[in-house]
Amino acid sequence: RRIAQLSGGERPWAVVRSARPFFAAALARGWA
């Protein structure tokens, strides 16, 4: 749902600093 929100142009949300590389890698897999 969050990745779909980003695709729709919604503002990003906060992610804990230590989890950002993991989350960005997940976003890269789910983002075209």
Full PDB file with SEQRES, HELIX, SHEET, SSBOND, CRYST1, ORIGX, SCALE, CONECT and MASTER records, all heavy atoms in Angstrom:
SEQRES   1 A   32  ARG ARG ILE ALA GLN LEU SER GLY GLY GLU ARG PRO TRP          
SEQRES   2 A   32  ALA VAL VAL ARG SER ALA ARG PRO PHE PHE ALA ALA ALA          
SEQRES   3 A   32  LEU ALA ARG GLY TRP ALA                                      
HELIX    1 AA1 ARG A    2  SER A    7  1                                   6    
HELIX    2 AA2 ARG A   17  ALA A   19  5                                   3    
HELIX    3 AA3 ARG A   20  GLY A   30  1                                  11    
CRYST1    1.000    1.000    1.000  90.00  90.00  90.00 P 1           1          
ORIGX1      1.000000  0.000000  0.000000        0.00000                         
ORIGX2      0.000000  1.000000  0.000000        0.00000                         
ORIGX3      0.000000  0.000000  1.000000        0.00000                         
SCALE1      1.000000  0.000000  0.000000        0.00000                         
SCALE2      0.000000  1.000000  0.000000        0.00000                         
SCALE3      0.000000  0.000000  1.000000        0.00000                         
ATOM      1  N   ARG A   1       0.840  -1.205   0.000  1.00  0.00           N  
ATOM      2  CA  ARG A   1       0.000   0.000   0.000  1.00  0.00           C  
ATOM      3  C   ARG A   1       0.873   1.252   0.000  1.00  0.00           C  
ATOM      4  O   ARG A   1       0.613   2.213  -0.726  1.00  0.00           O  
ATOM      5  CB  ARG A   1      -0.916  -0.015   1.217  1.00  0.00           C  
ATOM      6  CG  ARG A   1      -1.930   1.136   1.220  1.00  0.00           C  
ATOM      7  CD  ARG A   1      -2.858   1.042   2.417  1.00  0.00           C  
ATOM      8  NE  ARG A   1      -2.188   1.287   3.673  1.00  0.00           N  
ATOM      9  CZ  ARG A   1      -1.857   2.502   4.127  1.00  0.00           C  
ATOM     10  NH1 ARG A   1      -2.108   3.572   3.410  1.00  0.00           N  
ATOM     11  NH2 ARG A   1      -1.266   2.644   5.295  1.00  0.00           N  
ATOM     12  N   ARG A   2       1.951   1.245   0.790  1.00  0.00           N  
ATOM     13  CA  ARG A   2       2.842   2.410   0.844  1.00  0.00           C  
ATOM     14  C   ARG A   2       3.542   2.650  -0.494  1.00  0.00           C  
ATOM     15  O   ARG A   2       3.679   3.784  -0.930  1.00  0.00           O  
ATOM     16  CB  ARG A   2       3.887   2.220   1.938  1.00  0.00           C  
ATOM     17  CG  ARG A   2       3.343   2.183   3.325  1.00  0.00           C  
ATOM     18  CD  ARG A   2       2.942   3.545   3.779  1.00  0.00           C  
ATOM     19  NE  ARG A   2       2.573   3.511   5.184  1.00  0.00           N  
ATOM     20  CZ  ARG A   2       2.689   4.535   5.978  1.00  0.00           C  
ATOM     21  NH1 ARG A   2       3.161   5.669   5.534  1.00  0.00           N  
ATOM     22  NH2 ARG A   2       2.314   4.446   7.232  1.00  0.00           N  
ATOM     23  N   ILE A   3       3.997   1.589  -1.133  1.00  0.00           N  
ATOM     24  CA  ILE A   3       4.654   1.733  -2.433  1.00  0.00           C  
ATOM     25  C   ILE A   3       3.662   2.252  -3.466  1.00  0.00           C  
ATOM     26  O   ILE A   3       3.994   3.106  -4.294  1.00  0.00           O  
ATOM     27  CB  ILE A   3       5.313   0.415  -2.859  1.00  0.00           C  
ATOM     28  CG1 ILE A   3       6.509   0.116  -1.952  1.00  0.00           C  
ATOM     29  CG2 ILE A   3       5.770   0.478  -4.319  1.00  0.00           C  
ATOM     30  CD1 ILE A   3       7.165  -1.218  -2.182  1.00  0.00           C  
ATOM     31  N   ALA A   4       2.416   1.789  -3.399  1.00  0.00           N  
ATOM     32  CA  ALA A   4       1.381   2.293  -4.303  1.00  0.00           C  
ATOM     33  C   ALA A   4       1.113   3.775  -4.046  1.00  0.00           C  
ATOM     34  O   ALA A   4       0.874   4.536  -4.976  1.00  0.00           O  
ATOM     35  CB  ALA A   4       0.101   1.480  -4.147  1.00  0.00           C  
ATOM     36  N   GLN A   5       1.173   4.197  -2.791  1.00  0.00           N  
ATOM     37  CA  GLN A   5       0.991   5.607  -2.469  1.00  0.00           C  
ATOM     38  C   GLN A   5       2.096   6.451  -3.078  1.00  0.00           C  
ATOM     39  O   GLN A   5       1.842   7.544  -3.607  1.00  0.00           O  
ATOM     40  CB  GLN A   5       0.969   5.818  -0.956  1.00  0.00           C  
ATOM     41  CG  GLN A   5      -0.291   5.367  -0.281  1.00  0.00           C  
ATOM     42  CD  GLN A   5      -0.210   5.517   1.233  1.00  0.00           C  
ATOM     43  OE1 GLN A   5       0.876   5.595   1.804  1.00  0.00           O  
ATOM     44  NE2 GLN A   5      -1.368   5.532   1.875  1.00  0.00           N  
ATOM     45  N   LEU A   6       3.332   5.963  -3.016  1.00  0.00           N  
ATOM     46  CA  LEU A   6       4.445   6.693  -3.631  1.00  0.00           C  
ATOM     47  C   LEU A   6       4.251   6.795  -5.129  1.00  0.00           C  
ATOM     48  O   LEU A   6       4.527   7.824  -5.733  1.00  0.00           O  
ATOM     49  CB  LEU A   6       5.772   6.005  -3.327  1.00  0.00           C  
ATOM     50  CG  LEU A   6       6.360   6.212  -1.951  1.00  0.00           C  
ATOM     51  CD1 LEU A   6       7.628   5.403  -1.800  1.00  0.00           C  
ATOM     52  CD2 LEU A   6       6.629   7.669  -1.689  1.00  0.00           C  
ATOM     53  N   SER A   7       3.779   5.723  -5.748  1.00  0.00           N  
ATOM     54  CA  SER A   7       3.531   5.739  -7.195  1.00  0.00           C  
ATOM     55  C   SER A   7       2.456   6.741  -7.557  1.00  0.00           C  
ATOM     56  O   SER A   7       2.478   7.324  -8.630  1.00  0.00           O  
ATOM     57  CB  SER A   7       3.118   4.345  -7.678  1.00  0.00           C  
ATOM     58  OG  SER A   7       4.135   3.419  -7.440  1.00  0.00           O  
ATOM     59  N   GLY A   8       1.515   6.945  -6.634  1.00  0.00           N  
ATOM     60  CA  GLY A   8       0.435   7.892  -6.873  1.00  0.00           C  
ATOM     61  C   GLY A   8       0.812   9.326  -6.603  1.00  0.00           C  
ATOM     62  O   GLY A   8       0.006  10.233  -6.773  1.00  0.00           O  
ATOM     63  N   GLY A   9       2.034   9.567  -6.170  1.00  0.00           N  
ATOM     64  CA  GLY A   9       2.503  10.937  -5.964  1.00  0.00           C  
ATOM     65  C   GLY A   9       2.364  11.442  -4.547  1.00  0.00           C  
ATOM     66  O   GLY A   9       2.591  12.621  -4.290  1.00  0.00           O  
ATOM     67  N   GLU A  10       2.000  10.583  -3.603  1.00  0.00           N  
ATOM     68  CA  GLU A  10       1.900  11.029  -2.221  1.00  0.00           C  
ATOM     69  C   GLU A  10       3.278  11.264  -1.627  1.00  0.00           C  
ATOM     70  O   GLU A  10       4.266  10.725  -2.095  1.00  0.00           O  
ATOM     71  CB  GLU A  10       1.143   9.999  -1.386  1.00  0.00           C  
ATOM     72  CG  GLU A  10      -0.334   9.974  -1.692  1.00  0.00           C  
ATOM     73  CD  GLU A  10      -1.114   9.189  -0.652  1.00  0.00           C  
ATOM     74  OE1 GLU A  10      -0.702   9.185   0.528  1.00  0.00           O  
ATOM     75  OE2 GLU A  10      -2.115   8.593  -1.014  1.00  0.00           O  
ATOM     76  N   ARG A  11       3.311  12.061  -0.586  1.00  0.00           N  
ATOM     77  CA  ARG A  11       4.575  12.368   0.083  1.00  0.00           C  
ATOM     78  C   ARG A  11       5.149  11.131   0.736  1.00  0.00           C  
ATOM     79  O   ARG A  11       4.425  10.289   1.256  1.00  0.00           O  
ATOM     80  CB  ARG A  11       4.342  13.435   1.148  1.00  0.00           C  
ATOM     81  CG  ARG A  11       4.047  14.788   0.547  1.00  0.00           C  
ATOM     82  CD  ARG A  11       3.969  15.830   1.594  1.00  0.00           C  
ATOM     83  NE  ARG A  11       5.208  15.824   2.362  1.00  0.00           N  
ATOM     84  CZ  ARG A  11       5.347  16.420   3.533  1.00  0.00           C  
ATOM     85  NH1 ARG A  11       4.358  17.051   4.079  1.00  0.00           N  
ATOM     86  NH2 ARG A  11       6.489  16.377   4.172  1.00  0.00           N  
ATOM     87  N   PRO A  12       6.475  11.003   0.752  1.00  0.00           N  
ATOM     88  CA  PRO A  12       7.092   9.860   1.433  1.00  0.00           C  
ATOM     89  C   PRO A  12       6.899   9.954   2.940  1.00  0.00           C  
ATOM     90  O   PRO A  12       6.523  10.993   3.464  1.00  0.00           O  
ATOM     91  CB  PRO A  12       8.555   9.957   1.052  1.00  0.00           C  
ATOM     92  CG  PRO A  12       8.748  11.295   0.470  1.00  0.00           C  
ATOM     93  CD  PRO A  12       7.421  11.866   0.100  1.00  0.00           C  
ATOM     94  N   TRP A  13       7.168   8.895   3.632  1.00  0.00           N  
ATOM     95  CA  TRP A  13       7.013   8.829   5.070  1.00  0.00           C  
ATOM     96  C   TRP A  13       8.367   8.588   5.705  1.00  0.00           C  
ATOM     97  O   TRP A  13       9.320   8.212   5.043  1.00  0.00           O  
ATOM     98  CB  TRP A  13       6.017   7.739   5.442  1.00  0.00           C  
ATOM     99  CG  TRP A  13       6.407   6.408   4.906  1.00  0.00           C  
ATOM    100  CD1 TRP A  13       7.073   5.423   5.560  1.00  0.00           C  
ATOM    101  CD2 TRP A  13       6.208   5.935   3.579  1.00  0.00           C  
ATOM    102  NE1 TRP A  13       7.296   4.369   4.726  1.00  0.00           N  
ATOM    103  CE2 TRP A  13       6.768   4.654   3.505  1.00  0.00           C  
ATOM    104  CE3 TRP A  13       5.602   6.453   2.438  1.00  0.00           C  
ATOM    105  CZ2 TRP A  13       6.762   3.883   2.350  1.00  0.00           C  
ATOM    106  CZ3 TRP A  13       5.587   5.688   1.283  1.00  0.00           C  
ATOM    107  CH2 TRP A  13       6.155   4.423   1.252  1.00  0.00           C  
ATOM    108  N   ALA A  14       8.427   8.764   7.007  1.00  0.00           N  
ATOM    109  CA  ALA A  14       9.696   8.606   7.728  1.00  0.00           C  
ATOM    110  C   ALA A  14      10.015   7.130   7.950  1.00  0.00           C  
ATOM    111  O   ALA A  14       9.133   6.335   8.231  1.00  0.00           O  
ATOM    112  CB  ALA A  14       9.609   9.324   9.067  1.00  0.00           C  
ATOM    113  N   VAL A  15      11.290   6.798   7.789  1.00  0.00           N  
ATOM    114  CA  VAL A  15      11.785   5.452   8.044  1.00  0.00           C  
ATOM    115  C   VAL A  15      12.977   5.584   8.982  1.00  0.00           C  
ATOM    116  O   VAL A  15      13.816   6.468   8.805  1.00  0.00           O  
ATOM    117  CB  VAL A  15      12.220   4.755   6.728  1.00  0.00           C  
ATOM    118  CG1 VAL A  15      12.807   3.394   7.001  1.00  0.00           C  
ATOM    119  CG2 VAL A  15      11.061   4.668   5.754  1.00  0.00           C  
ATOM    120  N   VAL A  16      13.056   4.719   9.978  1.00  0.00           N  
ATOM    121  CA  VAL A  16      14.160   4.737  10.928  1.00  0.00           C  
ATOM    122  C   VAL A  16      15.475   4.635  10.160  1.00  0.00           C  
ATOM    123  O   VAL A  16      15.601   3.874   9.208  1.00  0.00           O  
ATOM    124  CB  VAL A  16      14.025   3.554  11.915  1.00  0.00           C  
ATOM    125  CG1 VAL A  16      15.192   3.518  12.887  1.00  0.00           C  
ATOM    126  CG2 VAL A  16      12.719   3.653  12.657  1.00  0.00           C  
ATOM    127  N   ARG A  17      16.468   5.409  10.578  1.00  0.00           N  
ATOM    128  CA  ARG A  17      17.731   5.513   9.834  1.00  0.00           C  
ATOM    129  C   ARG A  17      18.391   4.162   9.581  1.00  0.00           C  
ATOM    130  O   ARG A  17      18.877   3.888   8.493  1.00  0.00           O  
ATOM    131  CB  ARG A  17      18.691   6.432  10.575  1.00  0.00           C  
ATOM    132  CG  ARG A  17      19.989   6.627   9.833  1.00  0.00           C  
ATOM    133  CD  ARG A  17      20.865   7.634  10.533  1.00  0.00           C  
ATOM    134  NE  ARG A  17      22.048   7.851   9.713  1.00  0.00           N  
ATOM    135  CZ  ARG A  17      23.271   7.827  10.191  1.00  0.00           C  
ATOM    136  NH1 ARG A  17      23.486   7.617  11.461  1.00  0.00           N  
ATOM    137  NH2 ARG A  17      24.284   8.034   9.396  1.00  0.00           N  
ATOM    138  N   SER A  18      18.430   3.306  10.561  1.00  0.00           N  
ATOM    139  CA  SER A  18      19.103   2.013  10.403  1.00  0.00           C  
ATOM    140  C   SER A  18      18.379   1.097   9.424  1.00  0.00           C  
ATOM    141  O   SER A  18      18.988   0.190   8.869  1.00  0.00           O  
ATOM    142  CB  SER A  18      19.254   1.321  11.753  1.00  0.00           C  
ATOM    143  OG  SER A  18      17.973   1.109  12.328  1.00  0.00           O  
ATOM    144  N   ALA A  19      17.091   1.330   9.178  1.00  0.00           N  
ATOM    145  CA  ALA A  19      16.311   0.495   8.263  1.00  0.00           C  
ATOM    146  C   ALA A  19      16.254   1.070   6.848  1.00  0.00           C  
ATOM    147  O   ALA A  19      15.718   0.425   5.951  1.00  0.00           O  
ATOM    148  CB  ALA A  19      14.893   0.315   8.796  1.00  0.00           C  
ATOM    149  N   ARG A  20      16.792   2.245   6.636  1.00  0.00           N  
ATOM    150  CA  ARG A  20      16.680   2.893   5.325  1.00  0.00           C  
ATOM    151  C   ARG A  20      17.338   2.116   4.186  1.00  0.00           C  
ATOM    152  O   ARG A  20      16.746   2.019   3.111  1.00  0.00           O  
ATOM    153  CB  ARG A  20      17.207   4.317   5.393  1.00  0.00           C  
ATOM    154  CG  ARG A  20      16.284   5.212   6.174  1.00  0.00           C  
ATOM    155  CD  ARG A  20      16.819   6.607   6.305  1.00  0.00           C  
ATOM    156  NE  ARG A  20      15.984   7.344   7.251  1.00  0.00           N  
ATOM    157  CZ  ARG A  20      16.364   8.453   7.839  1.00  0.00           C  
ATOM    158  NH1 ARG A  20      17.541   8.976   7.581  1.00  0.00           N  
ATOM    159  NH2 ARG A  20      15.559   9.050   8.689  1.00  0.00           N  
ATOM    160  N   PRO A  21      18.547   1.551   4.333  1.00  0.00           N  
ATOM    161  CA  PRO A  21      19.100   0.775   3.216  1.00  0.00           C  
ATOM    162  C   PRO A  21      18.231  -0.429   2.854  1.00  0.00           C  
ATOM    163  O   PRO A  21      17.999  -0.698   1.675  1.00  0.00           O  
ATOM    164  CB  PRO A  21      20.472   0.335   3.718  1.00  0.00           C  
ATOM    165  CG  PRO A  21      20.837   1.342   4.748  1.00  0.00           C  
ATOM    166  CD  PRO A  21      19.543   1.728   5.392  1.00  0.00           C  
ATOM    167  N   PHE A  22      17.723  -1.132   3.857  1.00  0.00           N  
ATOM    168  CA  PHE A  22      16.838  -2.269   3.603  1.00  0.00           C  
ATOM    169  C   PHE A  22      15.560  -1.814   2.906  1.00  0.00           C  
ATOM    170  O   PHE A  22      15.130  -2.400   1.921  1.00  0.00           O  
ATOM    171  CB  PHE A  22      16.500  -2.977   4.919  1.00  0.00           C  
ATOM    172  CG  PHE A  22      15.451  -4.036   4.777  1.00  0.00           C  
ATOM    173  CD1 PHE A  22      15.773  -5.276   4.256  1.00  0.00           C  
ATOM    174  CD2 PHE A  22      14.147  -3.787   5.160  1.00  0.00           C  
ATOM    175  CE1 PHE A  22      14.807  -6.262   4.118  1.00  0.00           C  
ATOM    176  CE2 PHE A  22      13.180  -4.756   5.023  1.00  0.00           C  
ATOM    177  CZ  PHE A  22      13.507  -5.997   4.506  1.00  0.00           C  
ATOM    178  N   PHE A  23      14.962  -0.744   3.425  1.00  0.00           N  
ATOM    179  CA  PHE A  23      13.723  -0.257   2.834  1.00  0.00           C  
ATOM    180  C   PHE A  23      13.942   0.259   1.414  1.00  0.00           C  
ATOM    181  O   PHE A  23      13.123   0.035   0.533  1.00  0.00           O  
ATOM    182  CB  PHE A  23      13.106   0.845   3.701  1.00  0.00           C  
ATOM    183  CG  PHE A  23      11.772   1.273   3.213  1.00  0.00           C  
ATOM    184  CD1 PHE A  23      10.662   0.502   3.488  1.00  0.00           C  
ATOM    185  CD2 PHE A  23      11.625   2.408   2.456  1.00  0.00           C  
ATOM    186  CE1 PHE A  23       9.416   0.874   3.021  1.00  0.00           C  
ATOM    187  CE2 PHE A  23      10.393   2.794   1.978  1.00  0.00           C  
ATOM    188  CZ  PHE A  23       9.277   2.024   2.264  1.00  0.00           C  
ATOM    189  N   ALA A  24      15.048   0.929   1.188  1.00  0.00           N  
ATOM    190  CA  ALA A  24      15.339   1.425  -0.160  1.00  0.00           C  
ATOM    191  C   ALA A  24      15.558   0.272  -1.129  1.00  0.00           C  
ATOM    192  O   ALA A  24      15.137   0.333  -2.290  1.00  0.00           O  
ATOM    193  CB  ALA A  24      16.564   2.335  -0.137  1.00  0.00           C  
ATOM    194  N   ALA A  25      16.205  -0.799  -0.671  1.00  0.00           N  
ATOM    195  CA  ALA A  25      16.384  -1.979  -1.517  1.00  0.00           C  
ATOM    196  C   ALA A  25      15.037  -2.623  -1.826  1.00  0.00           C  
ATOM    197  O   ALA A  25      14.780  -3.057  -2.954  1.00  0.00           O  
ATOM    198  CB  ALA A  25      17.312  -2.973  -0.845  1.00  0.00           C  
ATOM    199  N   ALA A  26      14.151  -2.679  -0.822  1.00  0.00           N  
ATOM    200  CA  ALA A  26      12.804  -3.210  -1.055  1.00  0.00           C  
ATOM    201  C   ALA A  26      12.048  -2.322  -2.036  1.00  0.00           C  
ATOM    202  O   ALA A  26      11.345  -2.813  -2.926  1.00  0.00           O  
ATOM    203  CB  ALA A  26      12.044  -3.322   0.263  1.00  0.00           C  
ATOM    204  N   LEU A  27      12.202  -1.032  -1.891  1.00  0.00           N  
ATOM    205  CA  LEU A  27      11.553  -0.099  -2.820  1.00  0.00           C  
ATOM    206  C   LEU A  27      12.078  -0.293  -4.226  1.00  0.00           C  
ATOM    207  O   LEU A  27      11.308  -0.268  -5.198  1.00  0.00           O  
ATOM    208  CB  LEU A  27      11.796   1.345  -2.356  1.00  0.00           C  
ATOM    209  CG  LEU A  27      11.171   2.439  -3.198  1.00  0.00           C  
ATOM    210  CD1 LEU A  27       9.657   2.321  -3.187  1.00  0.00           C  
ATOM    211  CD2 LEU A  27      11.593   3.801  -2.696  1.00  0.00           C  
ATOM    212  N   ALA A  28      13.370  -0.524  -4.356  1.00  0.00           N  
ATOM    213  CA  ALA A  28      13.948  -0.752  -5.685  1.00  0.00           C  
ATOM    214  C   ALA A  28      13.361  -1.998  -6.327  1.00  0.00           C  
ATOM    215  O   ALA A  28      13.192  -2.053  -7.546  1.00  0.00           O  
ATOM    216  CB  ALA A  28      15.469  -0.880  -5.577  1.00  0.00           C  
ATOM    217  N   ARG A  29      13.042  -3.012  -5.532  1.00  0.00           N  
ATOM    218  CA  ARG A  29      12.444  -4.236  -6.073  1.00  0.00           C  
ATOM    219  C   ARG A  29      10.980  -4.033  -6.428  1.00  0.00           C  
ATOM    220  O   ARG A  29      10.474  -4.650  -7.350  1.00  0.00           O  
ATOM    221  CB  ARG A  29      12.557  -5.371  -5.054  1.00  0.00           C  
ATOM    222  CG  ARG A  29      13.940  -5.858  -4.800  1.00  0.00           C  
ATOM    223  CD  ARG A  29      14.324  -7.056  -5.654  1.00  0.00           C  
ATOM    224  NE  ARG A  29      13.400  -8.151  -5.596  1.00  0.00           N  
ATOM    225  CZ  ARG A  29      13.416  -9.138  -4.702  1.00  0.00           C  
ATOM    226  NH1 ARG A  29      14.323  -9.146  -3.754  1.00  0.00           N  
ATOM    227  NH2 ARG A  29      12.527 -10.101  -4.762  1.00  0.00           N  
ATOM    228  N   GLY A  30      10.278  -3.180  -5.684  1.00  0.00           N  
ATOM    229  CA  GLY A  30       8.851  -2.980  -5.922  1.00  0.00           C  
ATOM    230  C   GLY A  30       8.524  -1.766  -6.768  1.00  0.00           C  
ATOM    231  O   GLY A  30       7.363  -1.495  -7.052  1.00  0.00           O  
ATOM    232  N   TRP A  31       9.518  -1.039  -7.196  1.00  0.00           N  
ATOM    233  CA  TRP A  31       9.344   0.234  -7.919  1.00  0.00           C  
ATOM    234  C   TRP A  31       9.831   0.045  -9.345  1.00  0.00           C  
ATOM    235  O   TRP A  31      10.904  -0.494  -9.568  1.00  0.00           O  
ATOM    236  CB  TRP A  31      10.175   1.288  -7.203  1.00  0.00           C  
ATOM    237  CG  TRP A  31      10.111   2.666  -7.738  1.00  0.00           C  
ATOM    238  CD1 TRP A  31      10.964   3.226  -8.624  1.00  0.00           C  
ATOM    239  CD2 TRP A  31       9.167   3.666  -7.400  1.00  0.00           C  
ATOM    240  NE1 TRP A  31      10.610   4.521  -8.845  1.00  0.00           N  
ATOM    241  CE2 TRP A  31       9.499   4.820  -8.117  1.00  0.00           C  
ATOM    242  CE3 TRP A  31       8.057   3.701  -6.561  1.00  0.00           C  
ATOM    243  CZ2 TRP A  31       8.768   5.992  -8.023  1.00  0.00           C  
ATOM    244  CZ3 TRP A  31       7.338   4.868  -6.457  1.00  0.00           C  
ATOM    245  CH2 TRP A  31       7.695   6.001  -7.184  1.00  0.00           C  
ATOM    246  N   ALA A  32       9.075   0.507 -10.293  1.00  0.00           N  
ATOM    247  CA  ALA A  32       9.467   0.372 -11.700  1.00  0.00           C  
ATOM    248  C   ALA A  32      10.228   1.609 -12.139  1.00  0.00           C  
ATOM    249  O   ALA A  32       9.730   2.442 -12.886  1.00  0.00           O  
ATOM    250  CB  ALA A  32       8.234   0.165 -12.568  1.00  0.00           C  
TER     251      ALA A  32                                                      
MASTER        0    0    0    3    0    0    0    6  250    1    0    3          
END                                                                             
